[in-house]
Amino acid sequence: MDPNFTLSVRQSRNAFFRFKQAIKGLGINLKENADNIILNDVDLQQIFKVSSHTTKVWRDKNLIAYSRVGNHIVYKASEIHAFLTQNHSSLKSK
């Protein structure tokens, strides 16, 4: 996947579904705890089905907010949701 991308409707729905499933698997309510849920870079790669190189390019280009804790990159669930929303491509009527 190109690091400078706009998600198609299908890609956005699939990524958001995987994101919600990952959060649900933790037994956490996303709406109430989005700022308290922390995911690592591997989680993000699995949600979007991209490589570590792609997530690094996103960070380098300031496309997604992150924090560095020692040698680890982490993301707030709310920031991942914002990234999905900002890169969502809406359906265009013909």
C-alpha atoms as a PDB file:
ATOM      1  CA  MET A   1       0.000   0.000   0.000  1.00  0.00           C
ATOM      2  CA  ASP A   2       1.320   3.425  -0.945  1.00  0.00           C
ATOM      3  CA  PRO A   3       2.167   5.524   2.146  1.00  0.00           C
ATOM      4  CA  ASN A   4       0.401   8.513   0.496  1.00  0.00           C
ATOM      5  CA  PHE A   5      -2.995   7.006   0.155  1.00  0.00           C
ATOM      6  CA  THR A   6      -6.648   7.643   0.595  1.00  0.00           C
ATOM      7  CA  LEU A   7      -8.604   4.669   1.811  1.00  0.00           C
ATOM      8  CA  SER A   8     -11.366   3.443  -0.428  1.00  0.00           C
ATOM      9  CA  VAL A   9     -14.733   2.853   1.203  1.00  0.00           C
ATOM     10  CA  ARG A  10     -14.073  -0.887   1.297  1.00  0.00           C
ATOM     11  CA  GLN A  11     -10.548  -0.505   2.704  1.00  0.00           C
ATOM     12  CA  SER A  12     -11.777   1.953   5.308  1.00  0.00           C
ATOM     13  CA  ARG A  13     -14.591  -0.352   6.410  1.00  0.00           C
ATOM     14  CA  ASN A  14     -12.264  -3.364   6.555  1.00  0.00           C
ATOM     15  CA  ALA A  15      -9.591  -1.491   8.524  1.00  0.00           C
ATOM     16  CA  PHE A  16     -12.164  -0.027  10.885  1.00  0.00           C
ATOM     17  CA  PHE A  17     -13.714  -3.492  11.388  1.00  0.00           C
ATOM     18  CA  ARG A  18     -10.277  -4.981  12.206  1.00  0.00           C
ATOM     19  CA  PHE A  19      -9.606  -2.020  14.508  1.00  0.00           C
ATOM     20  CA  LYS A  20     -12.891  -2.535  16.368  1.00  0.00           C
ATOM     21  CA  GLN A  21     -12.293  -6.299  16.591  1.00  0.00           C
ATOM     22  CA  ALA A  22      -8.829  -5.720  18.073  1.00  0.00           C
ATOM     23  CA  ILE A  23     -10.291  -3.400  20.711  1.00  0.00           C
ATOM     24  CA  LYS A  24     -13.249  -5.706  21.363  1.00  0.00           C
ATOM     25  CA  GLY A  25     -10.823  -8.591  21.851  1.00  0.00           C
ATOM     26  CA  LEU A  26      -9.345  -6.638  24.743  1.00  0.00           C
ATOM     27  CA  GLY A  27     -12.805  -6.408  26.348  1.00  0.00           C
ATOM     28  CA  ILE A  28     -12.767  -2.600  26.291  1.00  0.00           C
ATOM     29  CA  ASN A  29     -15.503  -0.154  25.278  1.00  0.00           C
ATOM     30  CA  LEU A  30     -13.933   1.980  22.536  1.00  0.00           C
ATOM     31  CA  LYS A  31     -16.296   4.947  22.910  1.00  0.00           C
ATOM     32  CA  GLU A  32     -15.596   5.323  26.612  1.00  0.00           C
ATOM     33  CA  ASN A  33     -11.869   4.570  26.551  1.00  0.00           C
ATOM     34  CA  ALA A  34     -10.444   5.689  23.179  1.00  0.00           C
ATOM     35  CA  ASP A  35      -7.779   7.886  24.785  1.00  0.00           C
ATOM     36  CA  ASN A  36      -6.796   5.156  27.241  1.00  0.00           C
ATOM     37  CA  ILE A  37      -6.337   2.335  24.724  1.00  0.00           C
ATOM     38  CA  ILE A  38      -2.752   2.051  23.543  1.00  0.00           C
ATOM     39  CA  LEU A  39      -1.746  -0.065  20.557  1.00  0.00           C
ATOM     40  CA  ASN A  40       1.777  -0.779  19.384  1.00  0.00           C
ATOM     41  CA  ASP A  41       3.212  -0.627  15.874  1.00  0.00           C
ATOM     42  CA  VAL A  42       2.616  -4.341  15.234  1.00  0.00           C
ATOM     43  CA  ASP A  43      -1.060  -3.869  16.138  1.00  0.00           C
ATOM     44  CA  LEU A  44      -1.295  -1.007  13.642  1.00  0.00           C
ATOM     45  CA  GLN A  45       0.403  -3.081  10.927  1.00  0.00           C
ATOM     46  CA  GLN A  46      -2.091  -5.900  11.489  1.00  0.00           C
ATOM     47  CA  ILE A  47      -5.106  -3.591  11.464  1.00  0.00           C
ATOM     48  CA  PHE A  48      -4.102  -1.989   8.150  1.00  0.00           C
ATOM     49  CA  LYS A  49      -2.283  -5.025   6.726  1.00  0.00           C
ATOM     50  CA  VAL A  50       0.816  -2.956   5.975  1.00  0.00           C
ATOM     51  CA  SER A  51       4.537  -3.319   6.641  1.00  0.00           C
ATOM     52  CA  SER A  52       6.618  -1.691   9.367  1.00  0.00           C
ATOM     53  CA  HIS A  53       8.147   0.455   6.611  1.00  0.00           C
ATOM     54  CA  THR A  54       4.715   1.862   5.728  1.00  0.00           C
ATOM     55  CA  THR A  55       3.891   2.783   9.327  1.00  0.00           C
ATOM     56  CA  LYS A  56       7.330   4.431   9.619  1.00  0.00           C
ATOM     57  CA  VAL A  57       6.635   6.508   6.488  1.00  0.00           C
ATOM     58  CA  TRP A  58       3.247   7.528   7.923  1.00  0.00           C
ATOM     59  CA  ARG A  59       4.971   8.670  11.118  1.00  0.00           C
ATOM     60  CA  ASP A  60       7.783  10.450   9.237  1.00  0.00           C
ATOM     61  CA  LYS A  61       5.218  12.327   7.127  1.00  0.00           C
ATOM     62  CA  ASN A  62       3.130  13.168  10.227  1.00  0.00           C
ATOM     63  CA  LEU A  63       0.132  11.317   8.837  1.00  0.00           C
ATOM     64  CA  ILE A  64      -0.557   9.596  12.159  1.00  0.00           C
ATOM     65  CA  ALA A  65       0.129  10.733  15.699  1.00  0.00           C
ATOM     66  CA  TYR A  66       2.247   8.475  17.901  1.00  0.00           C
ATOM     67  CA  SER A  67       4.351   8.375  21.019  1.00  0.00           C
ATOM     68  CA  ARG A  68       7.762   6.845  21.563  1.00  0.00           C
ATOM     69  CA  VAL A  69       8.277   4.999  24.835  1.00  0.00           C
ATOM     70  CA  GLY A  70      11.892   3.933  24.947  1.00  0.00           C
ATOM     71  CA  ASN A  71      12.387   1.946  21.740  1.00  0.00           C
ATOM     72  CA  HIS A  72       8.667   1.298  21.306  1.00  0.00           C
ATOM     73  CA  ILE A  73       6.189   3.165  19.112  1.00  0.00           C
ATOM     74  CA  VAL A  74       2.651   3.355  20.482  1.00  0.00           C
ATOM     75  CA  TYR A  75      -0.610   4.884  19.284  1.00  0.00           C
ATOM     76  CA  LYS A  76      -3.773   5.962  21.067  1.00  0.00           C
ATOM     77  CA  ALA A  77      -6.871   4.268  19.697  1.00  0.00           C
ATOM     78  CA  SER A  78      -8.411   7.733  19.282  1.00  0.00           C
ATOM     79  CA  GLU A  79      -5.513   8.732  16.996  1.00  0.00           C
ATOM     80  CA  ILE A  80      -5.946   5.618  14.865  1.00  0.00           C
ATOM     81  CA  HIS A  81      -9.643   6.419  14.564  1.00  0.00           C
ATOM     82  CA  ALA A  82      -8.777  10.003  13.536  1.00  0.00           C
ATOM     83  CA  PHE A  83      -6.323   8.653  10.934  1.00  0.00           C
ATOM     84  CA  LEU A  84      -9.053   6.413   9.500  1.00  0.00           C
ATOM     85  CA  THR A  85     -11.524   9.287   9.411  1.00  0.00           C
ATOM     86  CA  GLN A  86      -9.084  11.708   7.751  1.00  0.00           C
ATOM     87  CA  ASN A  87      -8.159   9.205   5.053  1.00  0.00           C
ATOM     88  CA  HIS A  88     -11.640   7.930   4.343  1.00  0.00           C
ATOM     89  CA  SER A  89     -12.830   8.308   0.790  1.00  0.00           C
ATOM     90  CA  SER A  90     -16.568   8.840   0.518  1.00  0.00           C
ATOM     91  CA  LEU A  91     -18.742   7.347  -2.158  1.00  0.00           C
ATOM     92  CA  LYS A  92     -19.259   9.606  -5.144  1.00  0.00           C
ATOM     93  CA  SER A  93     -22.614   9.605  -6.897  1.00  0.00           C
ATOM     94  CA  LYS A  94     -22.666   9.122 -10.644  1.00  0.00           C
END
